[in-house]
Amino acid sequence: MEGFGVVAILFLALMVLLFISLFQFFSLLSHFHMKTFQLLKNALILTIGRPLRSLSTAIISAFVIYLSFFQFTFLIPFFMGSIVAVVAFFNFYHTIQKMQMKAQQAQGQEDDLPLDESEMKDEEEKGK
């Protein structure tokens, strides 16, 4: 039984990782049109790629659930799921905004680069 302690901790960590990925999955599902496998892959990448955001989502969600079950039980049917969803989406939205900003900056820097010879020929042919 002592050898299962490490395995149990690994499974618990995997469960938390998949639980947070589930938040990312539903946010991606509602905002982007992708295939299911791409959604799963991107949700897992977002979860692993932004560990502080993922950890904060897990901690705040656990805190809201704890408060709902042990302090304010009237929150369970009305606000618990909504508050957890707002926290998860807040972290997802900030992550996506940062990624889009970086992509736009990279696109802007790419547009500012001088054209090489093959691109110059293509531009000349388009102009004719």
C-alpha atoms as a PDB file:
ATOM      1  CA  MET A   1       0.000   0.000   0.000  1.00  0.00           C
ATOM      2  CA  GLU A   2       2.907   2.383   0.589  1.00  0.00           C
ATOM      3  CA  GLY A   3       3.948   2.268  -3.064  1.00  0.00           C
ATOM      4  CA  PHE A   4       0.526   3.498  -4.159  1.00  0.00           C
ATOM      5  CA  GLY A   5       1.024   6.863  -2.403  1.00  0.00           C
ATOM      6  CA  VAL A   6       3.103   8.255  -5.269  1.00  0.00           C
ATOM      7  CA  VAL A   7       0.756   6.822  -7.875  1.00  0.00           C
ATOM      8  CA  ALA A   8      -2.236   8.315  -6.062  1.00  0.00           C
ATOM      9  CA  ILE A   9      -0.586  11.738  -6.017  1.00  0.00           C
ATOM     10  CA  LEU A  10       0.197  11.474  -9.741  1.00  0.00           C
ATOM     11  CA  PHE A  11      -3.391  10.552 -10.532  1.00  0.00           C
ATOM     12  CA  LEU A  12      -4.661  13.410  -8.383  1.00  0.00           C
ATOM     13  CA  ALA A  13      -2.376  15.844 -10.213  1.00  0.00           C
ATOM     14  CA  LEU A  14      -3.567  14.459 -13.549  1.00  0.00           C
ATOM     15  CA  MET A  15      -7.193  14.869 -12.455  1.00  0.00           C
ATOM     16  CA  VAL A  16      -6.591  18.519 -11.519  1.00  0.00           C
ATOM     17  CA  LEU A  17      -4.828  19.118 -14.845  1.00  0.00           C
ATOM     18  CA  LEU A  18      -7.705  17.601 -16.785  1.00  0.00           C
ATOM     19  CA  PHE A  19     -10.267  19.485 -14.688  1.00  0.00           C
ATOM     20  CA  ILE A  20      -8.622  22.810 -15.540  1.00  0.00           C
ATOM     21  CA  SER A  21      -8.270  21.733 -19.172  1.00  0.00           C
ATOM     22  CA  LEU A  22     -12.011  21.163 -19.186  1.00  0.00           C
ATOM     23  CA  PHE A  23     -12.543  24.865 -18.433  1.00  0.00           C
ATOM     24  CA  GLN A  24     -10.214  25.765 -21.292  1.00  0.00           C
ATOM     25  CA  PHE A  25     -11.951  23.263 -23.580  1.00  0.00           C
ATOM     26  CA  PHE A  26     -15.402  24.793 -23.087  1.00  0.00           C
ATOM     27  CA  SER A  27     -14.054  28.318 -23.535  1.00  0.00           C
ATOM     28  CA  LEU A  28     -12.307  27.300 -26.753  1.00  0.00           C
ATOM     29  CA  LEU A  29     -15.411  25.437 -27.919  1.00  0.00           C
ATOM     30  CA  SER A  30     -17.580  28.512 -27.567  1.00  0.00           C
ATOM     31  CA  HIS A  31     -15.134  30.949 -29.201  1.00  0.00           C
ATOM     32  CA  PHE A  32     -13.338  29.047 -31.962  1.00  0.00           C
ATOM     33  CA  HIS A  33     -14.449  26.661 -34.677  1.00  0.00           C
ATOM     34  CA  MET A  34     -12.087  23.689 -34.510  1.00  0.00           C
ATOM     35  CA  LYS A  35     -12.325  19.946 -34.618  1.00  0.00           C
ATOM     36  CA  THR A  36     -12.702  18.105 -31.322  1.00  0.00           C
ATOM     37  CA  PHE A  37      -9.151  16.754 -31.288  1.00  0.00           C
ATOM     38  CA  GLN A  38      -7.749  20.241 -31.957  1.00  0.00           C
ATOM     39  CA  LEU A  39      -9.881  21.644 -29.146  1.00  0.00           C
ATOM     40  CA  LEU A  40      -8.629  18.995 -26.719  1.00  0.00           C
ATOM     41  CA  LYS A  41      -5.032  19.520 -27.779  1.00  0.00           C
ATOM     42  CA  ASN A  42      -5.235  23.320 -27.543  1.00  0.00           C
ATOM     43  CA  ALA A  43      -6.988  23.168 -24.176  1.00  0.00           C
ATOM     44  CA  LEU A  44      -4.223  20.986 -22.778  1.00  0.00           C
ATOM     45  CA  ILE A  45      -1.538  23.233 -24.303  1.00  0.00           C
ATOM     46  CA  LEU A  46      -3.168  26.342 -22.796  1.00  0.00           C
ATOM     47  CA  THR A  47      -3.346  24.653 -19.415  1.00  0.00           C
ATOM     48  CA  ILE A  48       0.266  23.522 -19.440  1.00  0.00           C
ATOM     49  CA  GLY A  49       1.572  26.624 -21.230  1.00  0.00           C
ATOM     50  CA  ARG A  50       0.190  29.043 -18.645  1.00  0.00           C
ATOM     51  CA  PRO A  51       0.708  27.259 -15.327  1.00  0.00           C
ATOM     52  CA  LEU A  52       0.141  30.317 -13.112  1.00  0.00           C
ATOM     53  CA  ARG A  53      -3.193  31.112 -14.761  1.00  0.00           C
ATOM     54  CA  SER A  54      -4.170  27.454 -14.543  1.00  0.00           C
ATOM     55  CA  LEU A  55      -3.135  27.226 -10.916  1.00  0.00           C
ATOM     56  CA  SER A  56      -5.024  30.411 -10.042  1.00  0.00           C
ATOM     57  CA  THR A  57      -8.129  29.028 -11.781  1.00  0.00           C
ATOM     58  CA  ALA A  58      -7.880  25.824  -9.752  1.00  0.00           C
ATOM     59  CA  ILE A  59      -7.269  27.580  -6.435  1.00  0.00           C
ATOM     60  CA  ILE A  60     -10.052  30.145  -6.842  1.00  0.00           C
ATOM     61  CA  SER A  61     -12.491  27.490  -8.076  1.00  0.00           C
ATOM     62  CA  ALA A  62     -11.657  25.245  -5.125  1.00  0.00           C
ATOM     63  CA  PHE A  63     -12.110  28.208  -2.762  1.00  0.00           C
ATOM     64  CA  VAL A  64     -15.525  29.057  -4.250  1.00  0.00           C
ATOM     65  CA  ILE A  65     -16.605  25.414  -4.023  1.00  0.00           C
ATOM     66  CA  TYR A  66     -15.377  25.207  -0.424  1.00  0.00           C
ATOM     67  CA  LEU A  67     -17.262  28.362   0.537  1.00  0.00           C
ATOM     68  CA  SER A  68     -20.374  27.112  -1.225  1.00  0.00           C
ATOM     69  CA  PHE A  69     -20.431  23.761   0.534  1.00  0.00           C
ATOM     70  CA  PHE A  70     -19.247  24.703   4.029  1.00  0.00           C
ATOM     71  CA  GLN A  71     -20.064  28.384   4.607  1.00  0.00           C
ATOM     72  CA  PHE A  72     -22.818  29.585   2.293  1.00  0.00           C
ATOM     73  CA  THR A  73     -24.817  26.560   1.181  1.00  0.00           C
ATOM     74  CA  PHE A  74     -27.456  28.742  -0.487  1.00  0.00           C
ATOM     75  CA  LEU A  75     -24.828  29.598  -3.137  1.00  0.00           C
ATOM     76  CA  ILE A  76     -24.801  26.064  -4.534  1.00  0.00           C
ATOM     77  CA  PRO A  77     -27.894  26.238  -6.768  1.00  0.00           C
ATOM     78  CA  PHE A  78     -27.577  29.910  -7.668  1.00  0.00           C
ATOM     79  CA  PHE A  79     -24.021  31.165  -7.883  1.00  0.00           C
ATOM     80  CA  MET A  80     -21.408  28.445  -7.438  1.00  0.00           C
ATOM     81  CA  GLY A  81     -21.235  27.313 -11.062  1.00  0.00           C
ATOM     82  CA  SER A  82     -21.512  30.845 -12.389  1.00  0.00           C
ATOM     83  CA  ILE A  83     -18.714  32.193 -10.231  1.00  0.00           C
ATOM     84  CA  VAL A  84     -16.423  29.301 -11.160  1.00  0.00           C
ATOM     85  CA  ALA A  85     -17.248  29.832 -14.855  1.00  0.00           C
ATOM     86  CA  VAL A  86     -16.541  33.578 -14.637  1.00  0.00           C
ATOM     87  CA  VAL A  87     -13.173  32.960 -12.978  1.00  0.00           C
ATOM     88  CA  ALA A  88     -12.232  30.324 -15.555  1.00  0.00           C
ATOM     89  CA  PHE A  89     -13.294  32.522 -18.480  1.00  0.00           C
ATOM     90  CA  PHE A  90     -11.483  35.547 -17.046  1.00  0.00           C
ATOM     91  CA  ASN A  91      -8.207  33.625 -17.035  1.00  0.00           C
ATOM     92  CA  PHE A  92      -8.914  32.148 -20.487  1.00  0.00           C
ATOM     93  CA  TYR A  93      -9.744  35.562 -21.956  1.00  0.00           C
ATOM     94  CA  HIS A  94      -6.560  37.187 -20.679  1.00  0.00           C
ATOM     95  CA  THR A  95      -4.479  34.310 -21.996  1.00  0.00           C
ATOM     96  CA  ILE A  96      -6.073  34.489 -25.453  1.00  0.00           C
ATOM     97  CA  GLN A  97      -5.742  38.292 -25.560  1.00  0.00           C
ATOM     98  CA  LYS A  98      -2.010  38.053 -24.812  1.00  0.00           C
ATOM     99  CA  MET A  99      -1.538  35.383 -27.460  1.00  0.00           C
ATOM    100  CA  GLN A 100      -3.414  37.419 -30.074  1.00  0.00           C
ATOM    101  CA  MET A 101      -1.424  40.541 -29.215  1.00  0.00           C
ATOM    102  CA  LYS A 102       1.847  38.652 -29.618  1.00  0.00           C
ATOM    103  CA  ALA A 103       0.642  37.222 -32.933  1.00  0.00           C
ATOM    104  CA  GLN A 104      -0.268  40.703 -34.194  1.00  0.00           C
ATOM    105  CA  GLN A 105       3.107  42.066 -33.113  1.00  0.00           C
ATOM    106  CA  ALA A 106       4.862  39.201 -34.889  1.00  0.00           C
ATOM    107  CA  GLN A 107       2.726  39.840 -37.975  1.00  0.00           C
ATOM    108  CA  GLY A 108       3.584  43.553 -37.836  1.00  0.00           C
ATOM    109  CA  GLN A 109       7.285  42.831 -37.532  1.00  0.00           C
ATOM    110  CA  GLU A 110       7.035  40.359 -40.380  1.00  0.00           C
ATOM    111  CA  ASP A 111       5.351  42.978 -42.566  1.00  0.00           C
ATOM    112  CA  ASP A 112       8.144  45.478 -41.827  1.00  0.00           C
ATOM    113  CA  LEU A 113      10.892  43.116 -43.020  1.00  0.00           C
ATOM    114  CA  PRO A 114      12.368  43.854 -46.457  1.00  0.00           C
ATOM    115  CA  LEU A 115      11.296  41.577 -49.281  1.00  0.00           C
ATOM    116  CA  ASP A 116      13.727  38.999 -50.608  1.00  0.00           C
ATOM    117  CA  GLU A 117      14.288  38.530 -54.348  1.00  0.00           C
ATOM    118  CA  SER A 118      11.586  35.914 -54.939  1.00  0.00           C
ATOM    119  CA  GLU A 119       8.981  38.041 -53.157  1.00  0.00           C
ATOM    120  CA  MET A 120      10.075  41.092 -55.179  1.00  0.00           C
ATOM    121  CA  LYS A 121       9.533  39.171 -58.418  1.00  0.00           C
ATOM    122  CA  ASP A 122       6.090  38.061 -57.228  1.00  0.00           C
ATOM    123  CA  GLU A 123       5.192  41.667 -56.385  1.00  0.00           C
ATOM    124  CA  GLU A 124       6.370  42.829 -59.831  1.00  0.00           C
ATOM    125  CA  GLU A 125       4.325  40.130 -61.564  1.00  0.00           C
ATOM    126  CA  LYS A 126       1.234  41.122 -59.600  1.00  0.00           C
ATOM    127  CA  GLY A 127       1.753  44.735 -60.633  1.00  0.00           C
ATOM    128  CA  LYS A 128       1.813  43.855 -64.364  1.00  0.00           C
END
